[in-house]
Amino acid sequence: MDPIYYHNPNCSKSRKGLEILHTLNTPFKLRNLNTSPLNKDELKNLCDIITDKKRLLCRLTDTELTPYGKDEKQQIINAILDQPKQLQRPILLLNKKAYICRPPEKLNDLLCQ
């Protein structure tokens, strides 16, 4: 299965990552988060398969997350559903794992193994 690149064209890091993917000539699927935001089930799955701390998926501070739920996972999911731009990006889904690709050069390490 081809990797899936979660991309926000308004984000400079995401655009840089897309450039890197094109130079690597690696097949991948592109998911534009502006036109196709993640739904609740997709966010739950992302929290479960993220290789980094799931807290890093959301750009809000801990204080800003508090009103969104009782536990961390619930807070992250609800906050991103409410404010989709707060999803950290870019994200690469590869081999049933999710990676936050910051800096975008991390894509080289993930795809050139």
C-alpha atoms as a PDB file:
ATOM      1  CA  MET A   1       0.000   0.000   0.000  1.00  0.00           C
ATOM      2  CA  ASP A   2       1.304   3.435  -0.929  1.00  0.00           C
ATOM      3  CA  PRO A   3       2.071   5.901   1.867  1.00  0.00           C
ATOM      4  CA  ILE A   4      -0.539   8.589   2.466  1.00  0.00           C
ATOM      5  CA  TYR A   5       0.646  12.161   2.882  1.00  0.00           C
ATOM      6  CA  TYR A   6      -1.692  14.407   4.904  1.00  0.00           C
ATOM      7  CA  HIS A   7      -1.082  17.809   3.399  1.00  0.00           C
ATOM      8  CA  ASN A   8      -2.193  21.377   4.057  1.00  0.00           C
ATOM      9  CA  PRO A   9      -1.234  23.550   1.058  1.00  0.00           C
ATOM     10  CA  ASN A  10      -1.301  26.649   3.296  1.00  0.00           C
ATOM     11  CA  CYS A  11       1.491  25.258   5.495  1.00  0.00           C
ATOM     12  CA  SER A  12       5.084  25.919   4.413  1.00  0.00           C
ATOM     13  CA  LYS A  13       6.373  22.733   6.095  1.00  0.00           C
ATOM     14  CA  SER A  14       3.722  20.694   4.340  1.00  0.00           C
ATOM     15  CA  ARG A  15       4.582  22.253   0.963  1.00  0.00           C
ATOM     16  CA  LYS A  16       8.279  21.542   1.558  1.00  0.00           C
ATOM     17  CA  GLY A  17       7.453  17.935   2.418  1.00  0.00           C
ATOM     18  CA  LEU A  18       5.459  17.586  -0.787  1.00  0.00           C
ATOM     19  CA  GLU A  19       8.472  18.839  -2.768  1.00  0.00           C
ATOM     20  CA  ILE A  20      10.643  16.230  -1.066  1.00  0.00           C
ATOM     21  CA  LEU A  21       8.154  13.466  -1.895  1.00  0.00           C
ATOM     22  CA  HIS A  22       8.178  14.457  -5.553  1.00  0.00           C
ATOM     23  CA  THR A  23      11.990  14.458  -5.700  1.00  0.00           C
ATOM     24  CA  LEU A  24      12.115  10.975  -4.140  1.00  0.00           C
ATOM     25  CA  ASN A  25       9.912   9.588  -6.925  1.00  0.00           C
ATOM     26  CA  THR A  26       8.118   7.456  -4.353  1.00  0.00           C
ATOM     27  CA  PRO A  27       4.504   6.599  -5.095  1.00  0.00           C
ATOM     28  CA  PHE A  28       2.150   8.087  -2.508  1.00  0.00           C
ATOM     29  CA  LYS A  29      -1.432   9.171  -2.060  1.00  0.00           C
ATOM     30  CA  LEU A  30      -2.139  12.801  -1.250  1.00  0.00           C
ATOM     31  CA  ARG A  31      -4.835  13.840   1.216  1.00  0.00           C
ATOM     32  CA  ASN A  32      -5.531  17.557   1.131  1.00  0.00           C
ATOM     33  CA  LEU A  33      -6.658  18.400   4.656  1.00  0.00           C
ATOM     34  CA  ASN A  34      -8.310  21.639   3.520  1.00  0.00           C
ATOM     35  CA  THR A  35     -10.705  19.930   1.134  1.00  0.00           C
ATOM     36  CA  SER A  36     -10.942  16.605   2.967  1.00  0.00           C
ATOM     37  CA  PRO A  37     -10.498  17.051   6.742  1.00  0.00           C
ATOM     38  CA  LEU A  38     -10.157  14.018   8.975  1.00  0.00           C
ATOM     39  CA  ASN A  39     -13.288  12.675  10.621  1.00  0.00           C
ATOM     40  CA  LYS A  40     -13.614  11.430  14.200  1.00  0.00           C
ATOM     41  CA  ASP A  41     -12.789   7.789  13.402  1.00  0.00           C
ATOM     42  CA  GLU A  42      -9.737   8.790  11.375  1.00  0.00           C
ATOM     43  CA  LEU A  43      -8.503  10.984  14.225  1.00  0.00           C
ATOM     44  CA  LYS A  44      -8.986   8.148  16.724  1.00  0.00           C
ATOM     45  CA  ASN A  45      -6.963   5.865  14.481  1.00  0.00           C
ATOM     46  CA  LEU A  46      -4.273   8.497  14.063  1.00  0.00           C
ATOM     47  CA  CYS A  47      -3.965   8.826  17.849  1.00  0.00           C
ATOM     48  CA  ASP A  48      -3.551   5.059  18.102  1.00  0.00           C
ATOM     49  CA  ILE A  49      -0.867   4.666  15.430  1.00  0.00           C
ATOM     50  CA  ILE A  50       1.175   7.850  15.864  1.00  0.00           C
ATOM     51  CA  THR A  51       4.847   7.125  16.522  1.00  0.00           C
ATOM     52  CA  ASP A  52       5.340  10.392  18.390  1.00  0.00           C
ATOM     53  CA  LYS A  53       3.472  11.357  21.540  1.00  0.00           C
ATOM     54  CA  LYS A  54      -0.160  11.766  20.518  1.00  0.00           C
ATOM     55  CA  ARG A  55      -0.175  15.145  22.261  1.00  0.00           C
ATOM     56  CA  LEU A  56       2.002  16.448  19.435  1.00  0.00           C
ATOM     57  CA  LEU A  57      -0.836  15.954  16.935  1.00  0.00           C
ATOM     58  CA  CYS A  58      -2.518  19.129  18.148  1.00  0.00           C
ATOM     59  CA  ARG A  59      -0.967  22.576  18.018  1.00  0.00           C
ATOM     60  CA  LEU A  60      -3.025  23.933  20.943  1.00  0.00           C
ATOM     61  CA  THR A  61      -1.534  24.359  24.409  1.00  0.00           C
ATOM     62  CA  ASP A  62      -2.538  22.059  27.267  1.00  0.00           C
ATOM     63  CA  THR A  63      -4.642  24.867  28.762  1.00  0.00           C
ATOM     64  CA  GLU A  64      -6.466  25.382  25.457  1.00  0.00           C
ATOM     65  CA  LEU A  65      -7.160  21.630  25.216  1.00  0.00           C
ATOM     66  CA  THR A  66      -8.714  21.262  28.685  1.00  0.00           C
ATOM     67  CA  PRO A  67     -12.302  22.220  27.725  1.00  0.00           C
ATOM     68  CA  TYR A  68     -12.353  19.574  24.973  1.00  0.00           C
ATOM     69  CA  GLY A  69     -12.655  16.510  27.185  1.00  0.00           C
ATOM     70  CA  LYS A  70     -11.566  14.486  30.194  1.00  0.00           C
ATOM     71  CA  ASP A  71      -8.625  12.556  28.773  1.00  0.00           C
ATOM     72  CA  GLU A  72      -5.833  13.511  26.407  1.00  0.00           C
ATOM     73  CA  LYS A  73      -7.029  11.481  23.423  1.00  0.00           C
ATOM     74  CA  GLN A  74     -10.568  12.848  23.690  1.00  0.00           C
ATOM     75  CA  GLN A  75      -9.244  16.401  24.023  1.00  0.00           C
ATOM     76  CA  ILE A  76      -7.046  16.080  20.928  1.00  0.00           C
ATOM     77  CA  ILE A  77      -9.803  14.569  18.784  1.00  0.00           C
ATOM     78  CA  ASN A  78     -12.463  17.071  19.839  1.00  0.00           C
ATOM     79  CA  ALA A  79     -10.125  20.051  19.483  1.00  0.00           C
ATOM     80  CA  ILE A  80      -9.090  19.070  15.959  1.00  0.00           C
ATOM     81  CA  LEU A  81     -12.692  18.393  14.942  1.00  0.00           C
ATOM     82  CA  ASP A  82     -13.583  21.864  16.219  1.00  0.00           C
ATOM     83  CA  GLN A  83     -10.463  23.561  14.813  1.00  0.00           C
ATOM     84  CA  PRO A  84      -9.037  21.438  11.951  1.00  0.00           C
ATOM     85  CA  LYS A  85      -6.183  23.889  11.356  1.00  0.00           C
ATOM     86  CA  GLN A  86      -4.765  22.872  14.745  1.00  0.00           C
ATOM     87  CA  LEU A  87      -3.784  19.424  13.427  1.00  0.00           C
ATOM     88  CA  GLN A  88      -0.010  19.233  13.268  1.00  0.00           C
ATOM     89  CA  ARG A  89       1.235  18.690   9.752  1.00  0.00           C
ATOM     90  CA  PRO A  90       2.526  17.245   7.606  1.00  0.00           C
ATOM     91  CA  ILE A  91       1.750  13.657   8.564  1.00  0.00           C
ATOM     92  CA  LEU A  92       2.783  10.535   6.691  1.00  0.00           C
ATOM     93  CA  LEU A  93       0.976   7.215   7.055  1.00  0.00           C
ATOM     94  CA  LEU A  94       3.412   4.430   6.272  1.00  0.00           C
ATOM     95  CA  ASN A  95       3.154   0.721   7.079  1.00  0.00           C
ATOM     96  CA  LYS A  96       0.208   1.232   9.460  1.00  0.00           C
ATOM     97  CA  LYS A  97       2.083   3.897  11.446  1.00  0.00           C
ATOM     98  CA  ALA A  98       1.717   7.675  11.440  1.00  0.00           C
ATOM     99  CA  TYR A  99       4.651  10.080  11.521  1.00  0.00           C
ATOM    100  CA  ILE A 100       4.660  13.820  12.092  1.00  0.00           C
ATOM    101  CA  CYS A 101       7.128  15.011   9.469  1.00  0.00           C
ATOM    102  CA  ARG A 102       8.640  18.011  11.183  1.00  0.00           C
ATOM    103  CA  PRO A 103      11.069  18.909   9.925  1.00  0.00           C
ATOM    104  CA  PRO A 104       9.933  17.841   6.441  1.00  0.00           C
ATOM    105  CA  GLU A 105      13.363  16.332   5.793  1.00  0.00           C
ATOM    106  CA  LYS A 106      12.241  13.498   8.083  1.00  0.00           C
ATOM    107  CA  LEU A 107      10.532  12.128   4.954  1.00  0.00           C
ATOM    108  CA  ASN A 108      13.963  11.262   3.541  1.00  0.00           C
ATOM    109  CA  ASP A 109      14.707   9.066   6.552  1.00  0.00           C
ATOM    110  CA  LEU A 110      11.304   7.382   6.480  1.00  0.00           C
ATOM    111  CA  LEU A 111      11.193   6.634   2.760  1.00  0.00           C
ATOM    112  CA  CYS A 112      14.845   5.965   1.959  1.00  0.00           C
ATOM    113  CA  GLN A 113      15.438   3.043   4.319  1.00  0.00           C
END
